[in-house]
Amino acid sequence: MSIDLDEEAALRHVTDQLKISYGDRCTPAEVEAAVDEARASFTVLPIRTYVPVLVERRARRILGGDTD
């Protein structure tokens, strides 16, 4: 399944924001790993519109933070 460029840009933005939010608790590599892990669970979804939001929420749970 093809991932469009808007989704890629949104996921880069999510990753950057999480690095800022969790910078005092996690390394950038840990944040990237959490995003990659979260993203992997959504690769089979045919509708991609909300994938960045879902990835952010799951990554926050992985990193041990809240979901807001």
PDB file of N, CA and C in Angstrom:
ATOM      1  N   MET A   1       0.840  -1.182   0.000  1.00  0.00           N
ATOM      2  CA  MET A   1       0.000   0.000   0.000  1.00  0.00           C
ATOM      3  C   MET A   1       0.884   1.245   0.000  1.00  0.00           C
ATOM      4  N   SER A   2       0.533   2.172  -0.812  1.00  0.00           N
ATOM      5  CA  SER A   2       1.303   3.392  -0.967  1.00  0.00           C
ATOM      6  C   SER A   2       0.940   4.403   0.124  1.00  0.00           C
ATOM      7  N   ILE A   3       1.944   5.003   0.702  1.00  0.00           N
ATOM      8  CA  ILE A   3       1.750   6.046   1.703  1.00  0.00           C
ATOM      9  C   ILE A   3       1.977   7.379   0.995  1.00  0.00           C
ATOM     10  N   ASP A   4       1.023   8.304   1.101  1.00  0.00           N
ATOM     11  CA  ASP A   4       1.204   9.550   0.363  1.00  0.00           C
ATOM     12  C   ASP A   4       2.119  10.518   1.103  1.00  0.00           C
ATOM     13  N   LEU A   5       2.542  11.539   0.377  1.00  0.00           N
ATOM     14  CA  LEU A   5       3.509  12.486   0.920  1.00  0.00           C
ATOM     15  C   LEU A   5       2.940  13.313   2.066  1.00  0.00           C
ATOM     16  N   ASP A   6       1.633  13.586   2.042  1.00  0.00           N
ATOM     17  CA  ASP A   6       1.024  14.326   3.150  1.00  0.00           C
ATOM     18  C   ASP A   6       1.119  13.540   4.450  1.00  0.00           C
ATOM     19  N   GLU A   7       0.898  12.232   4.359  1.00  0.00           N
ATOM     20  CA  GLU A   7       1.010  11.396   5.557  1.00  0.00           C
ATOM     21  C   GLU A   7       2.451  11.367   6.052  1.00  0.00           C
ATOM     22  N   GLU A   8       3.386  11.254   5.137  1.00  0.00           N
ATOM     23  CA  GLU A   8       4.805  11.260   5.524  1.00  0.00           C
ATOM     24  C   GLU A   8       5.168  12.561   6.236  1.00  0.00           C
ATOM     25  N   ALA A   9       4.710  13.684   5.692  1.00  0.00           N
ATOM     26  CA  ALA A   9       4.996  14.985   6.310  1.00  0.00           C
ATOM     27  C   ALA A   9       4.339  15.079   7.683  1.00  0.00           C
ATOM     28  N   ALA A  10       3.120  14.604   7.792  1.00  0.00           N
ATOM     29  CA  ALA A  10       2.420  14.644   9.077  1.00  0.00           C
ATOM     30  C   ALA A  10       3.138  13.780  10.109  1.00  0.00           C
ATOM     31  N   LEU A  11       3.630  12.623   9.701  1.00  0.00           N
ATOM     32  CA  LEU A  11       4.340  11.746  10.634  1.00  0.00           C
ATOM     33  C   LEU A  11       5.687  12.329  11.040  1.00  0.00           C
ATOM     34  N   ARG A  12       6.350  13.030  10.125  1.00  0.00           N
ATOM     35  CA  ARG A  12       7.590  13.733  10.501  1.00  0.00           C
ATOM     36  C   ARG A  12       7.284  14.808  11.541  1.00  0.00           C
ATOM     37  N   HIS A  13       6.174  15.515  11.333  1.00  0.00           N
ATOM     38  CA  HIS A  13       5.768  16.556  12.286  1.00  0.00           C
ATOM     39  C   HIS A  13       5.454  15.938  13.655  1.00  0.00           C
ATOM     40  N   VAL A  14       4.727  14.839  13.658  1.00  0.00           N
ATOM     41  CA  VAL A  14       4.410  14.133  14.909  1.00  0.00           C
ATOM     42  C   VAL A  14       5.701  13.739  15.616  1.00  0.00           C
ATOM     43  N   THR A  15       6.632  13.185  14.871  1.00  0.00           N
ATOM     44  CA  THR A  15       7.909  12.757  15.453  1.00  0.00           C
ATOM     45  C   THR A  15       8.650  13.943  16.056  1.00  0.00           C
ATOM     46  N   ASP A  16       8.700  15.034  15.327  1.00  0.00           N
ATOM     47  CA  ASP A  16       9.384  16.233  15.830  1.00  0.00           C
ATOM     48  C   ASP A  16       8.719  16.757  17.105  1.00  0.00           C
ATOM     49  N   GLN A  17       7.391  16.785  17.133  1.00  0.00           N
ATOM     50  CA  GLN A  17       6.676  17.259  18.309  1.00  0.00           C
ATOM     51  C   GLN A  17       6.898  16.349  19.514  1.00  0.00           C
ATOM     52  N   LEU A  18       6.905  15.043  19.271  1.00  0.00           N
ATOM     53  CA  LEU A  18       7.155  14.108  20.369  1.00  0.00           C
ATOM     54  C   LEU A  18       8.581  14.240  20.902  1.00  0.00           C
ATOM     55  N   LYS A  19       9.532  14.513  20.019  1.00  0.00           N
ATOM     56  CA  LYS A  19      10.908  14.727  20.476  1.00  0.00           C
ATOM     57  C   LYS A  19      10.991  15.931  21.404  1.00  0.00           C
ATOM     58  N   ILE A  20      10.207  16.958  21.108  1.00  0.00           N
ATOM     59  CA  ILE A  20      10.178  18.141  21.971  1.00  0.00           C
ATOM     60  C   ILE A  20       9.481  17.803  23.286  1.00  0.00           C
ATOM     61  N   SER A  21       8.326  17.155  23.183  1.00  0.00           N
ATOM     62  CA  SER A  21       7.537  16.833  24.383  1.00  0.00           C
ATOM     63  C   SER A  21       8.254  15.880  25.329  1.00  0.00           C
ATOM     64  N   TYR A  22       8.980  14.925  24.773  1.00  0.00           N
ATOM     65  CA  TYR A  22       9.622  13.890  25.585  1.00  0.00           C
ATOM     66  C   TYR A  22      11.133  14.052  25.655  1.00  0.00           C
ATOM     67  N   GLY A  23      11.643  15.195  25.236  1.00  0.00           N
ATOM     68  CA  GLY A  23      13.082  15.428  25.198  1.00  0.00           C
ATOM     69  C   GLY A  23      13.779  15.305  26.533  1.00  0.00           C
ATOM     70  N   ASP A  24      13.056  15.562  27.619  1.00  0.00           N
ATOM     71  CA  ASP A  24      13.661  15.463  28.942  1.00  0.00           C
ATOM     72  C   ASP A  24      13.628  14.037  29.489  1.00  0.00           C
ATOM     73  N   ARG A  25      12.881  13.143  28.830  1.00  0.00           N
ATOM     74  CA  ARG A  25      12.736  11.763  29.323  1.00  0.00           C
ATOM     75  C   ARG A  25      13.227  10.705  28.355  1.00  0.00           C
ATOM     76  N   CYS A  26      13.285  11.022  27.072  1.00  0.00           N
ATOM     77  CA  CYS A  26      13.631  10.027  26.052  1.00  0.00           C
ATOM     78  C   CYS A  26      14.621  10.608  25.058  1.00  0.00           C
ATOM     79  N   THR A  27      15.432   9.737  24.508  1.00  0.00           N
ATOM     80  CA  THR A  27      16.338  10.165  23.450  1.00  0.00           C
ATOM     81  C   THR A  27      15.555  10.276  22.148  1.00  0.00           C
ATOM     82  N   PRO A  28      16.086  11.028  21.184  1.00  0.00           N
ATOM     83  CA  PRO A  28      15.425  11.083  19.879  1.00  0.00           C
ATOM     84  C   PRO A  28      15.252   9.689  19.250  1.00  0.00           C
ATOM     85  N   ALA A  29      16.216   8.828  19.459  1.00  0.00           N
ATOM     86  CA  ALA A  29      16.123   7.469  18.915  1.00  0.00           C
ATOM     87  C   ALA A  29      14.969   6.693  19.551  1.00  0.00           C
ATOM     88  N   GLU A  30      14.747   6.889  20.840  1.00  0.00           N
ATOM     89  CA  GLU A  30      13.625   6.223  21.514  1.00  0.00           C
ATOM     90  C   GLU A  30      12.285   6.716  20.978  1.00  0.00           C
ATOM     91  N   VAL A  31      12.194   8.015  20.730  1.00  0.00           N
ATOM     92  CA  VAL A  31      10.967   8.580  20.174  1.00  0.00           C
ATOM     93  C   VAL A  31      10.735   8.020  18.774  1.00  0.00           C
ATOM     94  N   GLU A  32      11.775   8.007  17.953  1.00  0.00           N
ATOM     95  CA  GLU A  32      11.646   7.476  16.597  1.00  0.00           C
ATOM     96  C   GLU A  32      11.239   6.004  16.619  1.00  0.00           C
ATOM     97  N   ALA A  33      11.791   5.239  17.534  1.00  0.00           N
ATOM     98  CA  ALA A  33      11.432   3.824  17.652  1.00  0.00           C
ATOM     99  C   ALA A  33       9.973   3.664  18.058  1.00  0.00           C
ATOM    100  N   ALA A  34       9.494   4.511  18.964  1.00  0.00           N
ATOM    101  CA  ALA A  34       8.093   4.452  19.390  1.00  0.00           C
ATOM    102  C   ALA A  34       7.164   4.796  18.232  1.00  0.00           C
ATOM    103  N   VAL A  35       7.522   5.804  17.461  1.00  0.00           N
ATOM    104  CA  VAL A  35       6.713   6.175  16.301  1.00  0.00           C
ATOM    105  C   VAL A  35       6.720   5.048  15.275  1.00  0.00           C
ATOM    106  N   ASP A  36       7.876   4.463  15.027  1.00  0.00           N
ATOM    107  CA  ASP A  36       7.964   3.345  14.077  1.00  0.00           C
ATOM    108  C   ASP A  36       7.117   2.161  14.531  1.00  0.00           C
ATOM    109  N   GLU A  37       7.181   1.858  15.815  1.00  0.00           N
ATOM    110  CA  GLU A  37       6.387   0.749  16.359  1.00  0.00           C
ATOM    111  C   GLU A  37       4.896   1.043  16.229  1.00  0.00           C
ATOM    112  N   ALA A  38       4.509   2.259  16.587  1.00  0.00           N
ATOM    113  CA  ALA A  38       3.103   2.645  16.492  1.00  0.00           C
ATOM    114  C   ALA A  38       2.636   2.627  15.039  1.00  0.00           C
ATOM    115  N   ARG A  39       3.455   3.135  14.171  1.00  0.00           N
ATOM    116  CA  ARG A  39       3.110   3.206  12.744  1.00  0.00           C
ATOM    117  C   ARG A  39       2.924   1.816  12.147  1.00  0.00           C
ATOM    118  N   ALA A  40       3.740   0.890  12.560  1.00  0.00           N
ATOM    119  CA  ALA A  40       3.671  -0.468  12.025  1.00  0.00           C
ATOM    120  C   ALA A  40       2.312  -1.111  12.277  1.00  0.00           C
ATOM    121  N   SER A  41       1.668  -0.738  13.360  1.00  0.00           N
ATOM    122  CA  SER A  41       0.375  -1.344  13.674  1.00  0.00           C
ATOM    123  C   SER A  41      -0.761  -0.808  12.801  1.00  0.00           C
ATOM    124  N   PHE A  42      -0.485   0.237  12.036  1.00  0.00           N
ATOM    125  CA  PHE A  42      -1.521   0.827  11.188  1.00  0.00           C
ATOM    126  C   PHE A  42      -1.240   0.679   9.695  1.00  0.00           C
ATOM    127  N   THR A  43      -0.273  -0.126   9.320  1.00  0.00           N
ATOM    128  CA  THR A  43       0.099  -0.233   7.905  1.00  0.00           C
ATOM    129  C   THR A  43      -0.980  -0.871   7.039  1.00  0.00           C
ATOM    130  N   VAL A  44      -1.866  -1.655   7.624  1.00  0.00           N
ATOM    131  CA  VAL A  44      -2.876  -2.345   6.823  1.00  0.00           C
ATOM    132  C   VAL A  44      -4.178  -1.555   6.684  1.00  0.00           C
ATOM    133  N   LEU A  45      -4.280  -0.420   7.324  1.00  0.00           N
ATOM    134  CA  LEU A  45      -5.509   0.361   7.228  1.00  0.00           C
ATOM    135  C   LEU A  45      -5.665   0.935   5.824  1.00  0.00           C
ATOM    136  N   PRO A  46      -6.805   0.693   5.181  1.00  0.00           N
ATOM    137  CA  PRO A  46      -6.989   1.213   3.832  1.00  0.00           C
ATOM    138  C   PRO A  46      -7.274   2.721   3.808  1.00  0.00           C
ATOM    139  N   ILE A  47      -7.873   3.247   4.858  1.00  0.00           N
ATOM    140  CA  ILE A  47      -8.151   4.676   4.936  1.00  0.00           C
ATOM    141  C   ILE A  47      -7.075   5.296   5.809  1.00  0.00           C
ATOM    142  N   ARG A  48      -6.307   6.204   5.236  1.00  0.00           N
ATOM    143  CA  ARG A  48      -5.097   6.711   5.871  1.00  0.00           C
ATOM    144  C   ARG A  48      -5.280   8.063   6.567  1.00  0.00           C
ATOM    145  N   THR A  49      -6.424   8.669   6.475  1.00  0.00           N
ATOM    146  CA  THR A  49      -6.641  10.038   6.941  1.00  0.00           C
ATOM    147  C   THR A  49      -6.201  10.259   8.380  1.00  0.00           C
ATOM    148  N   TYR A  50      -6.532   9.346   9.269  1.00  0.00           N
ATOM    149  CA  TYR A  50      -6.279   9.555  10.690  1.00  0.00           C
ATOM    150  C   TYR A  50      -5.047   8.818  11.217  1.00  0.00           C
ATOM    151  N   VAL A  51      -4.283   8.224  10.333  1.00  0.00           N
ATOM    152  CA  VAL A  51      -3.110   7.461  10.766  1.00  0.00           C
ATOM    153  C   VAL A  51      -2.140   8.319  11.580  1.00  0.00           C
ATOM    154  N   PRO A  52      -1.793   9.534  11.178  1.00  0.00           N
ATOM    155  CA  PRO A  52      -0.871  10.323  12.009  1.00  0.00           C
ATOM    156  C   PRO A  52      -1.371  10.550  13.433  1.00  0.00           C
ATOM    157  N   VAL A  53      -2.653  10.800  13.601  1.00  0.00           N
ATOM    158  CA  VAL A  53      -3.213  11.010  14.942  1.00  0.00           C
ATOM    159  C   VAL A  53      -3.148   9.712  15.741  1.00  0.00           C
ATOM    160  N   LEU A  54      -3.511   8.619  15.108  1.00  0.00           N
ATOM    161  CA  LEU A  54      -3.466   7.319  15.788  1.00  0.00           C
ATOM    162  C   LEU A  54      -2.041   6.943  16.167  1.00  0.00           C
ATOM    163  N   VAL A  55      -1.100   7.213  15.273  1.00  0.00           N
ATOM    164  CA  VAL A  55       0.307   6.926  15.558  1.00  0.00           C
ATOM    165  C   VAL A  55       0.782   7.766  16.736  1.00  0.00           C
ATOM    166  N   GLU A  56       0.427   9.042  16.751  1.00  0.00           N
ATOM    167  CA  GLU A  56       0.854   9.894  17.867  1.00  0.00           C
ATOM    168  C   GLU A  56       0.321   9.376  19.195  1.00  0.00           C
ATOM    169  N   ARG A  57      -0.946   9.025  19.233  1.00  0.00           N
ATOM    170  CA  ARG A  57      -1.527   8.525  20.484  1.00  0.00           C
ATOM    171  C   ARG A  57      -0.856   7.240  20.947  1.00  0.00           C
ATOM    172  N   ARG A  58      -0.646   6.322  20.022  1.00  0.00           N
ATOM    173  CA  ARG A  58      -0.009   5.058  20.397  1.00  0.00           C
ATOM    174  C   ARG A  58       1.438   5.283  20.811  1.00  0.00           C
ATOM    175  N   ALA A  59       2.158   6.155  20.120  1.00  0.00           N
ATOM    176  CA  ALA A  59       3.549   6.448  20.476  1.00  0.00           C
ATOM    177  C   ALA A  59       3.627   7.059  21.868  1.00  0.00           C
ATOM    178  N   ARG A  60       2.692   7.936  22.206  1.00  0.00           N
ATOM    179  CA  ARG A  60       2.674   8.523  23.554  1.00  0.00           C
ATOM    180  C   ARG A  60       2.486   7.437  24.609  1.00  0.00           C
ATOM    181  N   ARG A  61       1.617   6.476  24.333  1.00  0.00           N
ATOM    182  CA  ARG A  61       1.433   5.370  25.288  1.00  0.00           C
ATOM    183  C   ARG A  61       2.714   4.543  25.398  1.00  0.00           C
ATOM    184  N   ILE A  62       3.361   4.292  24.293  1.00  0.00           N
ATOM    185  CA  ILE A  62       4.614   3.540  24.293  1.00  0.00           C
ATOM    186  C   ILE A  62       5.674   4.266  25.120  1.00  0.00           C
ATOM    187  N   LEU A  63       5.708   5.581  24.962  1.00  0.00           N
ATOM    188  CA  LEU A  63       6.706   6.394  25.674  1.00  0.00           C
ATOM    189  C   LEU A  63       6.335   6.623  27.133  1.00  0.00           C
ATOM    190  N   GLY A  64       5.152   6.171  27.520  1.00  0.00           N
ATOM    191  CA  GLY A  64       4.752   6.272  28.920  1.00  0.00           C
ATOM    192  C   GLY A  64       4.103   7.574  29.287  1.00  0.00           C
ATOM    193  N   GLY A  65       3.630   8.312  28.294  1.00  0.00           N
ATOM    194  CA  GLY A  65       2.997   9.586  28.577  1.00  0.00           C
ATOM    195  C   GLY A  65       1.505   9.518  28.396  1.00  0.00           C
ATOM    196  N   ASP A  66       0.912  10.672  28.425  1.00  0.00           N
ATOM    197  CA  ASP A  66      -0.531  10.751  28.277  1.00  0.00           C
ATOM    198  C   ASP A  66      -0.937  10.756  26.810  1.00  0.00           C
ATOM    199  N   THR A  67      -2.227  10.819  26.565  1.00  0.00           N
ATOM    200  CA  THR A  67      -2.728  10.779  25.191  1.00  0.00           C
ATOM    201  C   THR A  67      -3.277  12.101  24.714  1.00  0.00           C
ATOM    202  N   ASP A  68      -3.038  13.210  25.414  1.00  0.00           N
ATOM    203  CA  ASP A  68      -3.571  14.475  24.918  1.00  0.00           C
ATOM    204  C   ASP A  68      -2.641  15.158  23.979  1.00  0.00           C
TER     205      ASP A  68
END
